[in-house]
Amino acid sequence: MQRIHLSRAGSNDSRGGATTVEMALAAPILLTFVFGIIQVGYAFMVQHSIQSAAYKGCRAGILPNRSTSTVTSVVSGMLQPVGLSDNATTTIQVNNV
């Protein structure tokens, strides 16, 4: 009876452990970069949300018969979906006063 070995041509089974060690060394670096990119993206999103809330607050404030509470509620409403309304303080200054 003949034994038939089904293996790929040129494969070397002695490299299996080396591949595992290389992956174990490279994976933390790769994951650090991936999570870093995610955090930078989140920081840009937060910055854009704050700028957008300031813009919408200014637009609401220039309309006639608008009060400070109206502007504050518009800004809080813009920051709430991002989760920033709990830690945010809205200060309204007219001509730096």
N, C-alpha and C. Protein backbone atom coordinates (compact mmCIF):
# COMPACT_ATOMS: atom_id res chain seq x y z
N MET A 1 0.83 -1.16 0.00
CA MET A 1 0.00 0.00 0.00
C MET A 1 0.89 1.24 0.00
N GLN A 2 0.54 2.18 -0.85
CA GLN A 2 1.34 3.40 -0.97
C GLN A 2 0.70 4.52 -0.16
N ARG A 3 1.54 5.31 0.43
CA ARG A 3 1.05 6.49 1.13
C ARG A 3 1.20 7.68 0.20
N ILE A 4 0.17 8.47 0.15
CA ILE A 4 0.19 9.67 -0.67
C ILE A 4 0.14 10.85 0.26
N HIS A 5 1.12 11.71 0.15
CA HIS A 5 1.18 12.91 0.97
C HIS A 5 0.58 14.07 0.18
N LEU A 6 -0.49 14.62 0.71
CA LEU A 6 -1.12 15.76 0.05
C LEU A 6 -0.63 17.04 0.71
N SER A 7 0.33 17.63 0.11
CA SER A 7 0.85 18.90 0.62
C SER A 7 1.20 19.79 -0.55
N ARG A 8 1.25 21.05 -0.26
CA ARG A 8 1.60 22.00 -1.31
C ARG A 8 3.07 21.86 -1.65
N ALA A 9 3.34 22.10 -2.87
CA ALA A 9 4.73 22.02 -3.31
C ALA A 9 5.51 23.16 -2.69
N GLY A 10 6.61 22.86 -2.08
CA GLY A 10 7.47 23.89 -1.52
C GLY A 10 7.08 24.34 -0.13
N SER A 11 6.05 23.73 0.47
CA SER A 11 5.68 24.17 1.82
C SER A 11 6.64 23.55 2.82
N ASN A 12 6.88 24.30 3.87
CA ASN A 12 7.82 23.84 4.88
C ASN A 12 7.12 23.95 6.23
N ASP A 13 6.83 22.82 6.83
CA ASP A 13 6.07 22.82 8.09
C ASP A 13 6.87 23.37 9.26
N SER A 14 8.16 23.51 9.14
CA SER A 14 8.95 24.02 10.24
C SER A 14 8.79 25.52 10.44
N ARG A 15 8.15 26.23 9.51
CA ARG A 15 7.94 27.68 9.62
C ARG A 15 6.65 28.03 10.34
N GLY A 16 5.83 27.06 10.68
CA GLY A 16 4.54 27.33 11.32
C GLY A 16 4.68 28.06 12.64
N GLY A 17 5.63 27.70 13.46
CA GLY A 17 5.84 28.37 14.73
C GLY A 17 6.39 29.77 14.56
N ALA A 18 7.24 29.96 13.56
CA ALA A 18 7.81 31.29 13.30
C ALA A 18 6.72 32.26 12.85
N THR A 19 5.79 31.76 12.07
CA THR A 19 4.69 32.61 11.62
C THR A 19 3.83 33.05 12.80
N THR A 20 3.59 32.15 13.72
CA THR A 20 2.79 32.48 14.91
C THR A 20 3.50 33.52 15.77
N VAL A 21 4.79 33.37 15.93
CA VAL A 21 5.55 34.34 16.74
C VAL A 21 5.58 35.70 16.06
N GLU A 22 5.76 35.72 14.74
CA GLU A 22 5.75 37.00 14.02
C GLU A 22 4.40 37.69 14.14
N MET A 23 3.32 36.92 14.05
CA MET A 23 1.99 37.51 14.20
C MET A 23 1.78 38.02 15.62
N ALA A 24 2.27 37.29 16.60
CA ALA A 24 2.13 37.73 17.99
C ALA A 24 2.90 39.02 18.25
N LEU A 25 4.00 39.23 17.54
CA LEU A 25 4.77 40.46 17.70
C LEU A 25 4.18 41.62 16.90
N ALA A 26 3.61 41.33 15.74
CA ALA A 26 3.10 42.39 14.87
C ALA A 26 1.68 42.82 15.23
N ALA A 27 0.87 41.93 15.78
CA ALA A 27 -0.53 42.24 16.06
C ALA A 27 -0.71 43.41 17.02
N PRO A 28 0.02 43.51 18.14
CA PRO A 28 -0.18 44.66 19.02
C PRO A 28 0.15 46.00 18.35
N ILE A 29 1.17 46.01 17.52
CA ILE A 29 1.53 47.24 16.82
C ILE A 29 0.44 47.61 15.83
N LEU A 30 -0.05 46.63 15.08
CA LEU A 30 -1.12 46.88 14.12
C LEU A 30 -2.39 47.37 14.82
N LEU A 31 -2.76 46.73 15.92
CA LEU A 31 -3.96 47.14 16.65
C LEU A 31 -3.80 48.53 17.26
N THR A 32 -2.60 48.86 17.70
CA THR A 32 -2.35 50.21 18.23
C THR A 32 -2.58 51.26 17.16
N PHE A 33 -2.08 51.00 15.96
CA PHE A 33 -2.30 51.94 14.85
C PHE A 33 -3.78 52.04 14.49
N VAL A 34 -4.47 50.93 14.45
CA VAL A 34 -5.89 50.94 14.08
C VAL A 34 -6.70 51.72 15.11
N PHE A 35 -6.49 51.42 16.40
CA PHE A 35 -7.24 52.14 17.43
C PHE A 35 -6.84 53.61 17.51
N GLY A 36 -5.59 53.92 17.20
CA GLY A 36 -5.15 55.32 17.13
C GLY A 36 -5.85 56.07 16.03
N ILE A 37 -6.00 55.44 14.88
CA ILE A 37 -6.72 56.08 13.77
C ILE A 37 -8.18 56.29 14.14
N ILE A 38 -8.77 55.34 14.84
CA ILE A 38 -10.16 55.50 15.27
C ILE A 38 -10.29 56.68 16.24
N GLN A 39 -9.35 56.83 17.17
CA GLN A 39 -9.40 57.93 18.13
C GLN A 39 -9.21 59.28 17.46
N VAL A 40 -8.31 59.35 16.48
CA VAL A 40 -8.12 60.61 15.74
C VAL A 40 -9.39 60.96 14.98
N GLY A 41 -10.03 59.97 14.38
CA GLY A 41 -11.30 60.21 13.69
C GLY A 41 -12.38 60.70 14.64
N TYR A 42 -12.42 60.13 15.83
CA TYR A 42 -13.39 60.58 16.83
C TYR A 42 -13.11 62.01 17.27
N ALA A 43 -11.83 62.35 17.43
CA ALA A 43 -11.48 63.72 17.81
C ALA A 43 -11.92 64.72 16.74
N PHE A 44 -11.74 64.36 15.47
CA PHE A 44 -12.20 65.24 14.39
C PHE A 44 -13.72 65.37 14.39
N MET A 45 -14.42 64.28 14.70
CA MET A 45 -15.87 64.33 14.74
C MET A 45 -16.35 65.25 15.87
N VAL A 46 -15.70 65.14 17.04
CA VAL A 46 -16.08 66.00 18.18
C VAL A 46 -15.81 67.46 17.85
N GLN A 47 -14.66 67.75 17.24
CA GLN A 47 -14.33 69.12 16.87
C GLN A 47 -15.36 69.67 15.88
N HIS A 48 -15.74 68.87 14.90
CA HIS A 48 -16.73 69.31 13.93
C HIS A 48 -18.09 69.53 14.59
N SER A 49 -18.46 68.67 15.53
CA SER A 49 -19.74 68.82 16.23
C SER A 49 -19.78 70.10 17.06
N ILE A 50 -18.67 70.43 17.71
CA ILE A 50 -18.61 71.66 18.51
C ILE A 50 -18.70 72.88 17.60
N GLN A 51 -17.99 72.87 16.48
CA GLN A 51 -18.05 73.99 15.54
C GLN A 51 -19.45 74.12 14.95
N SER A 52 -20.08 73.01 14.65
CA SER A 52 -21.43 73.04 14.10
C SER A 52 -22.42 73.57 15.13
N ALA A 53 -22.25 73.18 16.39
CA ALA A 53 -23.15 73.68 17.44
C ALA A 53 -22.98 75.18 17.63
N ALA A 54 -21.74 75.68 17.57
CA ALA A 54 -21.50 77.12 17.68
C ALA A 54 -22.13 77.86 16.51
N TYR A 55 -22.01 77.29 15.31
CA TYR A 55 -22.61 77.90 14.12
C TYR A 55 -24.13 77.97 14.25
N LYS A 56 -24.75 76.84 14.64
CA LYS A 56 -26.21 76.82 14.78
C LYS A 56 -26.67 77.75 15.90
N GLY A 57 -25.88 77.85 16.98
CA GLY A 57 -26.23 78.77 18.06
C GLY A 57 -26.18 80.22 17.60
N CYS A 58 -25.17 80.56 16.81
CA CYS A 58 -25.08 81.93 16.26
C CYS A 58 -26.24 82.22 15.33
N ARG A 59 -26.58 81.23 14.50
CA ARG A 59 -27.71 81.42 13.58
C ARG A 59 -29.02 81.61 14.35
N ALA A 60 -29.18 80.87 15.45
CA ALA A 60 -30.40 81.02 16.25
C ALA A 60 -30.39 82.34 17.00
N GLY A 61 -29.21 82.83 17.39
CA GLY A 61 -29.12 84.05 18.19
C GLY A 61 -29.34 85.33 17.40
N ILE A 62 -29.12 85.31 16.09
CA ILE A 62 -29.28 86.54 15.32
C ILE A 62 -30.71 86.80 14.89
N LEU A 63 -31.57 85.82 15.08
CA LEU A 63 -32.96 86.01 14.70
C LEU A 63 -33.65 86.91 15.72
N PRO A 64 -34.64 87.69 15.29
CA PRO A 64 -35.33 88.58 16.23
C PRO A 64 -36.12 87.80 17.28
N ASN A 65 -36.25 88.40 18.43
CA ASN A 65 -37.02 87.85 19.55
C ASN A 65 -36.49 86.51 20.04
N ARG A 66 -35.20 86.33 20.01
CA ARG A 66 -34.59 85.11 20.54
C ARG A 66 -33.93 85.42 21.87
N SER A 67 -34.02 84.49 22.80
CA SER A 67 -33.44 84.70 24.12
C SER A 67 -32.19 83.83 24.29
N THR A 68 -31.50 84.06 25.40
CA THR A 68 -30.31 83.28 25.71
C THR A 68 -30.67 81.81 25.90
N SER A 69 -31.81 81.54 26.50
CA SER A 69 -32.20 80.14 26.72
C SER A 69 -32.47 79.42 25.40
N THR A 70 -32.96 80.14 24.41
CA THR A 70 -33.19 79.53 23.10
C THR A 70 -31.87 79.12 22.46
N VAL A 71 -30.89 80.01 22.52
CA VAL A 71 -29.57 79.70 21.95
C VAL A 71 -28.93 78.55 22.71
N THR A 72 -29.04 78.56 24.03
CA THR A 72 -28.46 77.49 24.83
C THR A 72 -29.11 76.14 24.51
N SER A 73 -30.41 76.13 24.32
CA SER A 73 -31.09 74.87 24.01
C SER A 73 -30.72 74.37 22.61
N VAL A 74 -30.50 75.29 21.65
CA VAL A 74 -30.08 74.88 20.31
C VAL A 74 -28.69 74.25 20.37
N VAL A 75 -27.78 74.88 21.11
CA VAL A 75 -26.42 74.36 21.21
C VAL A 75 -26.43 73.02 21.94
N SER A 76 -27.18 72.91 23.02
CA SER A 76 -27.26 71.63 23.74
C SER A 76 -27.88 70.54 22.88
N GLY A 77 -28.86 70.91 22.08
CA GLY A 77 -29.49 69.95 21.18
C GLY A 77 -28.54 69.43 20.12
N MET A 78 -27.60 70.28 19.69
CA MET A 78 -26.61 69.84 18.71
C MET A 78 -25.54 68.95 19.33
N LEU A 79 -25.22 69.19 20.60
CA LEU A 79 -24.16 68.42 21.26
C LEU A 79 -24.66 67.12 21.88
N GLN A 80 -25.97 67.00 22.09
CA GLN A 80 -26.51 65.83 22.76
C GLN A 80 -26.31 64.54 21.98
N PRO A 81 -26.51 64.47 20.66
CA PRO A 81 -26.30 63.20 19.95
C PRO A 81 -24.87 62.69 20.03
N VAL A 82 -23.91 63.57 20.20
CA VAL A 82 -22.50 63.17 20.28
C VAL A 82 -22.14 62.76 21.70
N GLY A 83 -22.95 63.14 22.67
CA GLY A 83 -22.68 62.80 24.06
C GLY A 83 -21.87 63.87 24.77
N LEU A 84 -21.86 65.10 24.25
CA LEU A 84 -21.08 66.18 24.85
C LEU A 84 -21.92 67.14 25.67
N SER A 85 -23.23 67.00 25.66
CA SER A 85 -24.07 67.98 26.34
C SER A 85 -23.96 67.89 27.86
N ASP A 86 -23.56 66.73 28.40
CA ASP A 86 -23.45 66.60 29.85
C ASP A 86 -22.28 67.40 30.40
N ASN A 87 -21.18 67.46 29.66
CA ASN A 87 -19.98 68.14 30.13
C ASN A 87 -19.81 69.53 29.52
N ALA A 88 -20.75 69.96 28.70
CA ALA A 88 -20.60 71.22 27.98
C ALA A 88 -21.23 72.38 28.78
N THR A 89 -20.58 73.52 28.72
CA THR A 89 -21.10 74.74 29.29
C THR A 89 -21.21 75.77 28.19
N THR A 90 -22.40 76.29 27.97
CA THR A 90 -22.62 77.26 26.90
C THR A 90 -22.53 78.67 27.49
N THR A 91 -21.61 79.46 26.95
CA THR A 91 -21.45 80.84 27.37
C THR A 91 -21.72 81.72 26.17
N ILE A 92 -22.61 82.70 26.34
CA ILE A 92 -22.94 83.60 25.25
C ILE A 92 -22.35 84.97 25.55
N GLN A 93 -21.54 85.48 24.62
CA GLN A 93 -20.93 86.79 24.75
C GLN A 93 -21.30 87.62 23.52
N VAL A 94 -21.76 88.83 23.79
CA VAL A 94 -22.07 89.75 22.71
C VAL A 94 -20.98 90.81 22.68
N ASN A 95 -20.23 90.89 21.60
CA ASN A 95 -19.13 91.82 21.45
C ASN A 95 -18.10 91.68 22.57
N ASN A 96 -17.80 90.41 22.92
CA ASN A 96 -16.81 90.07 23.94
C ASN A 96 -17.13 90.64 25.32
N VAL A 97 -18.38 90.85 25.62
CA VAL A 97 -18.79 91.37 26.92
C VAL A 97 -19.42 90.25 27.73
